[in-house]
Amino acid sequence: MLAPYFGQAAGTTNAPTLTSSTVTLRWDKSPSRRVKGYRLHCGLNSGRDYARLVTVGNVTSYTFSNLIPGKTYYCIVTAYDAAGKESPASNEISFTVSASARTGPKPTPATPASKGHN
C-alpha cells in the first residue's frame, strides 16, 4: 500500500502562519486500490509522537478547529486497508497558529441592570 502525500513542497521548512484557529488539511489520494480510508495524526511535537489521531474515512481533507493560538502543529496522514493495516506515513507538514488568531466570537459585555424606582 502506498502512502498518501501532503502537497507541501519538499524542503519547505517555514511553517505557514494561520490567522484563524481553524485549518483544513488536504492530501493526495493514495493510488492503491486497497485503501479504505485515512488517519490523520497531529500534535505539537515534530516526529512520530502525535497526540491527536483522527480516522477521517475515505476522504482527502479534514478541518481542525479550536487550535491553540501561538502553537505550531505537525501532521502526517496514513492510509489504511480493510484489515486496518496502515501505510507508511506521509511527509510531515507543519503550520503555526498566530498568537492573535481568533478563536471564536468575542463575548458581549454585560450591561448593568437598571434600578427600578418605588
N, C-alpha and C. Protein backbone atom coordinates (compact mmCIF):
# COMPACT_ATOMS: atom_id res chain seq x y z
N MET A 1 0.85 -1.17 0.00
CA MET A 1 0.00 0.00 0.00
C MET A 1 0.90 1.23 0.00
N LEU A 2 0.62 2.18 -0.86
CA LEU A 2 1.41 3.39 -0.96
C LEU A 2 0.89 4.45 -0.02
N ALA A 3 1.80 5.24 0.52
CA ALA A 3 1.43 6.30 1.46
C ALA A 3 0.80 7.47 0.73
N PRO A 4 -0.17 8.12 1.36
CA PRO A 4 -0.69 9.38 0.80
C PRO A 4 0.37 10.46 0.97
N TYR A 5 0.14 11.62 0.38
CA TYR A 5 1.15 12.67 0.38
C TYR A 5 0.49 14.03 0.55
N PHE A 6 1.02 14.84 1.49
CA PHE A 6 0.59 16.23 1.60
C PHE A 6 1.25 17.00 0.48
N GLY A 7 0.55 17.93 -0.10
CA GLY A 7 1.05 18.68 -1.25
C GLY A 7 2.02 19.79 -0.93
N GLN A 8 2.57 19.87 0.28
CA GLN A 8 3.55 20.90 0.62
C GLN A 8 4.85 20.61 -0.11
N ALA A 9 5.47 21.63 -0.63
CA ALA A 9 6.70 21.46 -1.41
C ALA A 9 7.80 20.82 -0.57
N ALA A 10 8.52 19.91 -1.17
CA ALA A 10 9.63 19.25 -0.50
C ALA A 10 10.66 20.29 -0.09
N GLY A 11 11.21 20.14 1.07
CA GLY A 11 12.24 21.05 1.55
C GLY A 11 11.69 22.32 2.16
N THR A 12 10.37 22.48 2.20
CA THR A 12 9.79 23.67 2.82
C THR A 12 9.98 23.57 4.32
N THR A 13 10.64 24.55 4.91
CA THR A 13 10.91 24.49 6.34
C THR A 13 10.14 25.54 7.13
N ASN A 14 9.67 26.57 6.48
CA ASN A 14 8.92 27.61 7.19
C ASN A 14 7.46 27.22 7.27
N ALA A 15 6.98 27.05 8.48
CA ALA A 15 5.58 26.70 8.68
C ALA A 15 4.72 27.93 8.40
N PRO A 16 3.68 27.79 7.56
CA PRO A 16 2.81 28.94 7.34
C PRO A 16 2.11 29.34 8.63
N THR A 17 1.83 30.64 8.78
CA THR A 17 1.14 31.14 9.96
C THR A 17 -0.32 31.38 9.62
N LEU A 18 -1.20 30.83 10.44
CA LEU A 18 -2.63 30.98 10.24
C LEU A 18 -3.16 32.13 11.07
N THR A 19 -4.15 32.83 10.56
CA THR A 19 -4.77 33.91 11.32
C THR A 19 -6.12 33.47 11.86
N SER A 20 -6.37 32.19 11.84
CA SER A 20 -7.61 31.62 12.35
C SER A 20 -7.25 30.44 13.23
N SER A 21 -8.15 30.02 14.11
CA SER A 21 -7.90 28.84 14.93
C SER A 21 -8.48 27.59 14.28
N THR A 22 -8.79 27.67 12.99
CA THR A 22 -9.32 26.55 12.21
C THR A 22 -8.46 26.37 10.97
N VAL A 23 -8.17 25.12 10.61
CA VAL A 23 -7.41 24.84 9.40
C VAL A 23 -7.98 23.60 8.73
N THR A 24 -8.02 23.63 7.40
CA THR A 24 -8.42 22.46 6.63
C THR A 24 -7.18 21.89 5.96
N LEU A 25 -6.90 20.63 6.25
CA LEU A 25 -5.76 19.94 5.66
C LEU A 25 -6.25 19.08 4.51
N ARG A 26 -5.49 19.07 3.42
CA ARG A 26 -5.82 18.26 2.24
C ARG A 26 -4.59 17.46 1.85
N TRP A 27 -4.81 16.26 1.34
CA TRP A 27 -3.69 15.42 0.90
C TRP A 27 -4.08 14.70 -0.36
N ASP A 28 -3.06 14.19 -1.05
CA ASP A 28 -3.27 13.44 -2.29
C ASP A 28 -3.79 12.05 -1.96
N LYS A 29 -4.70 11.59 -2.76
CA LYS A 29 -5.27 10.25 -2.61
C LYS A 29 -4.19 9.22 -2.90
N SER A 30 -4.18 8.15 -2.12
CA SER A 30 -3.25 7.05 -2.38
C SER A 30 -3.68 6.35 -3.67
N PRO A 31 -2.75 5.98 -4.54
CA PRO A 31 -3.12 5.28 -5.78
C PRO A 31 -3.50 3.81 -5.56
N SER A 32 -3.30 3.31 -4.35
CA SER A 32 -3.60 1.91 -4.07
C SER A 32 -5.11 1.67 -4.03
N ARG A 33 -5.57 0.62 -4.68
CA ARG A 33 -7.00 0.27 -4.67
C ARG A 33 -7.42 -0.36 -3.36
N ARG A 34 -6.47 -0.76 -2.54
CA ARG A 34 -6.78 -1.42 -1.26
C ARG A 34 -7.15 -0.42 -0.17
N VAL A 35 -6.93 0.86 -0.40
CA VAL A 35 -7.20 1.87 0.62
C VAL A 35 -8.69 1.98 0.90
N LYS A 36 -9.04 1.91 2.18
CA LYS A 36 -10.43 2.06 2.61
C LYS A 36 -10.66 3.41 3.31
N GLY A 37 -9.57 4.05 3.74
CA GLY A 37 -9.70 5.34 4.41
C GLY A 37 -8.36 5.87 4.85
N TYR A 38 -8.42 6.99 5.60
CA TYR A 38 -7.21 7.69 6.02
C TYR A 38 -7.28 8.03 7.50
N ARG A 39 -6.11 8.10 8.11
CA ARG A 39 -5.98 8.53 9.50
C ARG A 39 -5.03 9.72 9.54
N LEU A 40 -5.47 10.76 10.22
CA LEU A 40 -4.69 11.97 10.36
C LEU A 40 -4.09 11.99 11.76
N HIS A 41 -2.78 12.15 11.84
CA HIS A 41 -2.05 12.18 13.11
C HIS A 41 -1.46 13.57 13.26
N CYS A 42 -1.79 14.30 14.34
CA CYS A 42 -1.29 15.65 14.55
C CYS A 42 -0.88 15.84 16.01
N GLY A 43 0.04 16.76 16.21
CA GLY A 43 0.47 17.08 17.56
C GLY A 43 1.30 18.33 17.58
N LEU A 44 1.80 18.66 18.77
CA LEU A 44 2.59 19.87 18.96
C LEU A 44 4.09 19.59 18.87
N ASN A 45 4.47 18.34 18.61
CA ASN A 45 5.88 17.96 18.51
C ASN A 45 6.13 17.30 17.17
N SER A 46 7.23 17.69 16.54
CA SER A 46 7.62 17.08 15.28
C SER A 46 8.13 15.67 15.54
N GLY A 47 7.93 14.80 14.59
CA GLY A 47 8.36 13.42 14.75
C GLY A 47 7.17 12.49 14.71
N ARG A 48 7.32 11.34 15.26
CA ARG A 48 6.25 10.34 15.16
C ARG A 48 5.45 10.18 16.44
N ASP A 49 5.46 11.18 17.32
CA ASP A 49 4.71 11.11 18.57
C ASP A 49 3.59 12.15 18.53
N TYR A 50 2.48 11.78 17.87
CA TYR A 50 1.38 12.72 17.67
C TYR A 50 0.27 12.44 18.67
N ALA A 51 -0.20 13.49 19.34
CA ALA A 51 -1.20 13.33 20.39
C ALA A 51 -2.62 13.16 19.86
N ARG A 52 -2.88 13.62 18.66
CA ARG A 52 -4.24 13.61 18.12
C ARG A 52 -4.32 12.67 16.92
N LEU A 53 -5.22 11.70 16.98
CA LEU A 53 -5.44 10.76 15.89
C LEU A 53 -6.90 10.84 15.49
N VAL A 54 -7.14 11.09 14.20
CA VAL A 54 -8.50 11.18 13.69
C VAL A 54 -8.63 10.23 12.50
N THR A 55 -9.56 9.29 12.60
CA THR A 55 -9.87 8.44 11.46
C THR A 55 -10.91 9.19 10.65
N VAL A 56 -10.51 9.67 9.47
CA VAL A 56 -11.37 10.56 8.70
C VAL A 56 -12.21 9.83 7.66
N GLY A 57 -11.93 8.54 7.46
CA GLY A 57 -12.69 7.78 6.45
C GLY A 57 -12.08 7.97 5.07
N ASN A 58 -12.87 7.70 4.06
CA ASN A 58 -12.36 7.71 2.69
C ASN A 58 -12.54 9.09 2.04
N VAL A 59 -11.95 10.10 2.67
CA VAL A 59 -11.94 11.47 2.15
C VAL A 59 -10.50 11.96 2.20
N THR A 60 -10.20 13.02 1.47
CA THR A 60 -8.83 13.53 1.42
C THR A 60 -8.70 14.94 1.98
N SER A 61 -9.54 15.26 2.96
CA SER A 61 -9.39 16.54 3.66
C SER A 61 -10.06 16.40 5.03
N TYR A 62 -9.63 17.27 5.94
CA TYR A 62 -10.21 17.30 7.29
C TYR A 62 -10.00 18.69 7.85
N THR A 63 -10.99 19.20 8.59
CA THR A 63 -10.90 20.51 9.21
C THR A 63 -10.74 20.37 10.72
N PHE A 64 -9.64 20.93 11.23
CA PHE A 64 -9.41 21.01 12.67
C PHE A 64 -9.88 22.38 13.13
N SER A 65 -10.53 22.43 14.28
CA SER A 65 -10.92 23.72 14.84
C SER A 65 -10.45 23.79 16.29
N ASN A 66 -10.61 24.95 16.89
CA ASN A 66 -10.19 25.20 18.27
C ASN A 66 -8.70 24.95 18.48
N LEU A 67 -7.91 25.34 17.49
CA LEU A 67 -6.45 25.22 17.62
C LEU A 67 -5.94 26.30 18.57
N ILE A 68 -4.83 26.03 19.23
CA ILE A 68 -4.30 26.92 20.26
C ILE A 68 -3.45 28.02 19.61
N PRO A 69 -3.84 29.30 19.81
CA PRO A 69 -3.05 30.39 19.26
C PRO A 69 -1.61 30.35 19.77
N GLY A 70 -0.67 30.67 18.87
CA GLY A 70 0.74 30.72 19.23
C GLY A 70 1.45 29.38 19.14
N LYS A 71 0.74 28.31 18.82
CA LYS A 71 1.34 26.97 18.76
C LYS A 71 1.59 26.54 17.32
N THR A 72 2.63 25.71 17.15
CA THR A 72 2.91 25.09 15.86
C THR A 72 2.45 23.65 15.91
N TYR A 73 1.72 23.23 14.90
CA TYR A 73 1.19 21.86 14.80
C TYR A 73 1.94 21.11 13.71
N TYR A 74 2.12 19.82 13.93
CA TYR A 74 2.79 18.93 12.98
C TYR A 74 1.83 17.79 12.66
N CYS A 75 1.70 17.45 11.37
CA CYS A 75 0.73 16.43 10.98
C CYS A 75 1.29 15.50 9.91
N ILE A 76 0.83 14.26 9.96
CA ILE A 76 1.06 13.27 8.91
C ILE A 76 -0.27 12.61 8.63
N VAL A 77 -0.37 11.92 7.52
CA VAL A 77 -1.57 11.15 7.20
C VAL A 77 -1.12 9.75 6.79
N THR A 78 -1.92 8.76 7.15
CA THR A 78 -1.68 7.38 6.72
C THR A 78 -2.95 6.86 6.06
N ALA A 79 -2.79 5.90 5.18
CA ALA A 79 -3.93 5.21 4.58
C ALA A 79 -4.09 3.88 5.30
N TYR A 80 -5.30 3.34 5.33
CA TYR A 80 -5.49 2.01 5.91
C TYR A 80 -6.36 1.17 4.98
N ASP A 81 -6.17 -0.16 5.10
CA ASP A 81 -6.94 -1.08 4.25
C ASP A 81 -8.09 -1.70 5.06
N ALA A 82 -8.81 -2.65 4.46
CA ALA A 82 -9.98 -3.26 5.10
C ALA A 82 -9.62 -3.97 6.40
N ALA A 83 -8.39 -4.46 6.52
CA ALA A 83 -7.95 -5.14 7.74
C ALA A 83 -7.46 -4.15 8.79
N GLY A 84 -7.42 -2.85 8.46
CA GLY A 84 -6.96 -1.84 9.40
C GLY A 84 -5.46 -1.60 9.35
N LYS A 85 -4.76 -2.28 8.45
CA LYS A 85 -3.31 -2.11 8.33
C LYS A 85 -3.02 -0.74 7.74
N GLU A 86 -2.10 -0.01 8.40
CA GLU A 86 -1.75 1.34 7.95
C GLU A 86 -0.57 1.35 7.00
N SER A 87 -0.61 2.29 6.09
CA SER A 87 0.51 2.52 5.17
C SER A 87 1.64 3.22 5.93
N PRO A 88 2.79 3.33 5.30
CA PRO A 88 3.82 4.21 5.87
C PRO A 88 3.25 5.64 5.94
N ALA A 89 3.82 6.44 6.81
CA ALA A 89 3.35 7.81 6.99
C ALA A 89 3.69 8.68 5.78
N SER A 90 2.85 9.67 5.55
CA SER A 90 3.12 10.68 4.52
C SER A 90 4.27 11.56 4.99
N ASN A 91 4.61 12.52 4.17
CA ASN A 91 5.52 13.56 4.60
C ASN A 91 4.85 14.34 5.74
N GLU A 92 5.64 14.90 6.63
CA GLU A 92 5.11 15.70 7.73
C GLU A 92 4.96 17.14 7.25
N ILE A 93 3.83 17.74 7.61
CA ILE A 93 3.65 19.17 7.36
C ILE A 93 3.52 19.87 8.70
N SER A 94 3.70 21.17 8.69
CA SER A 94 3.54 21.94 9.92
C SER A 94 2.89 23.28 9.58
N PHE A 95 2.25 23.85 10.57
CA PHE A 95 1.67 25.18 10.45
C PHE A 95 1.62 25.79 11.83
N THR A 96 1.67 27.11 11.90
CA THR A 96 1.64 27.83 13.16
C THR A 96 0.36 28.66 13.22
N VAL A 97 -0.29 28.60 14.37
CA VAL A 97 -1.49 29.40 14.59
C VAL A 97 -1.02 30.73 15.20
N SER A 98 -1.37 31.83 14.56
CA SER A 98 -0.96 33.15 15.02
C SER A 98 -1.38 33.36 16.47
N ALA A 99 -0.53 34.03 17.24
CA ALA A 99 -0.86 34.32 18.63
C ALA A 99 -2.11 35.20 18.73
N SER A 100 -2.42 35.91 17.66
CA SER A 100 -3.60 36.78 17.66
C SER A 100 -4.78 36.16 16.91
N ALA A 101 -4.70 34.84 16.68
CA ALA A 101 -5.78 34.16 15.94
C ALA A 101 -7.09 34.26 16.69
N ARG A 102 -8.12 34.43 15.92
CA ARG A 102 -9.47 34.47 16.51
C ARG A 102 -9.89 33.06 16.84
N THR A 103 -10.39 32.86 18.04
CA THR A 103 -10.83 31.54 18.47
C THR A 103 -12.34 31.43 18.51
N GLY A 104 -13.01 32.46 18.11
CA GLY A 104 -14.47 32.43 18.11
C GLY A 104 -14.99 33.83 18.38
N PRO A 105 -16.31 33.97 18.44
CA PRO A 105 -16.86 35.30 18.68
C PRO A 105 -16.49 35.80 20.07
N LYS A 106 -16.23 37.10 20.15
CA LYS A 106 -15.93 37.70 21.44
C LYS A 106 -17.22 37.86 22.23
N PRO A 107 -17.16 37.62 23.54
CA PRO A 107 -18.38 37.78 24.33
C PRO A 107 -18.83 39.23 24.37
N THR A 108 -20.11 39.42 24.42
CA THR A 108 -20.68 40.75 24.54
C THR A 108 -20.64 41.16 26.00
N PRO A 109 -20.10 42.35 26.30
CA PRO A 109 -20.03 42.77 27.70
C PRO A 109 -21.43 42.91 28.29
N ALA A 110 -21.54 42.53 29.53
CA ALA A 110 -22.83 42.64 30.21
C ALA A 110 -23.14 44.11 30.46
N THR A 111 -24.41 44.45 30.36
CA THR A 111 -24.81 45.82 30.65
C THR A 111 -25.38 45.86 32.05
N PRO A 112 -25.10 46.93 32.80
CA PRO A 112 -25.64 46.99 34.17
C PRO A 112 -27.15 47.00 34.14
N ALA A 113 -27.74 46.31 35.08
CA ALA A 113 -29.20 46.25 35.20
C ALA A 113 -29.73 47.60 35.66
N SER A 114 -30.86 48.00 35.11
CA SER A 114 -31.47 49.26 35.53
C SER A 114 -32.11 49.07 36.88
N LYS A 115 -31.95 50.09 37.75
CA LYS A 115 -32.58 50.03 39.08
C LYS A 115 -33.96 50.65 38.97
N GLY A 116 -34.94 49.95 39.43
CA GLY A 116 -36.30 50.47 39.39
C GLY A 116 -36.55 51.45 40.51
N HIS A 117 -37.54 52.33 40.34
CA HIS A 117 -37.92 53.29 41.36
C HIS A 117 -39.19 52.83 42.02
N ASN A 118 -39.30 53.07 43.31
CA ASN A 118 -40.53 52.71 44.03
C ASN A 118 -41.47 53.84 44.07
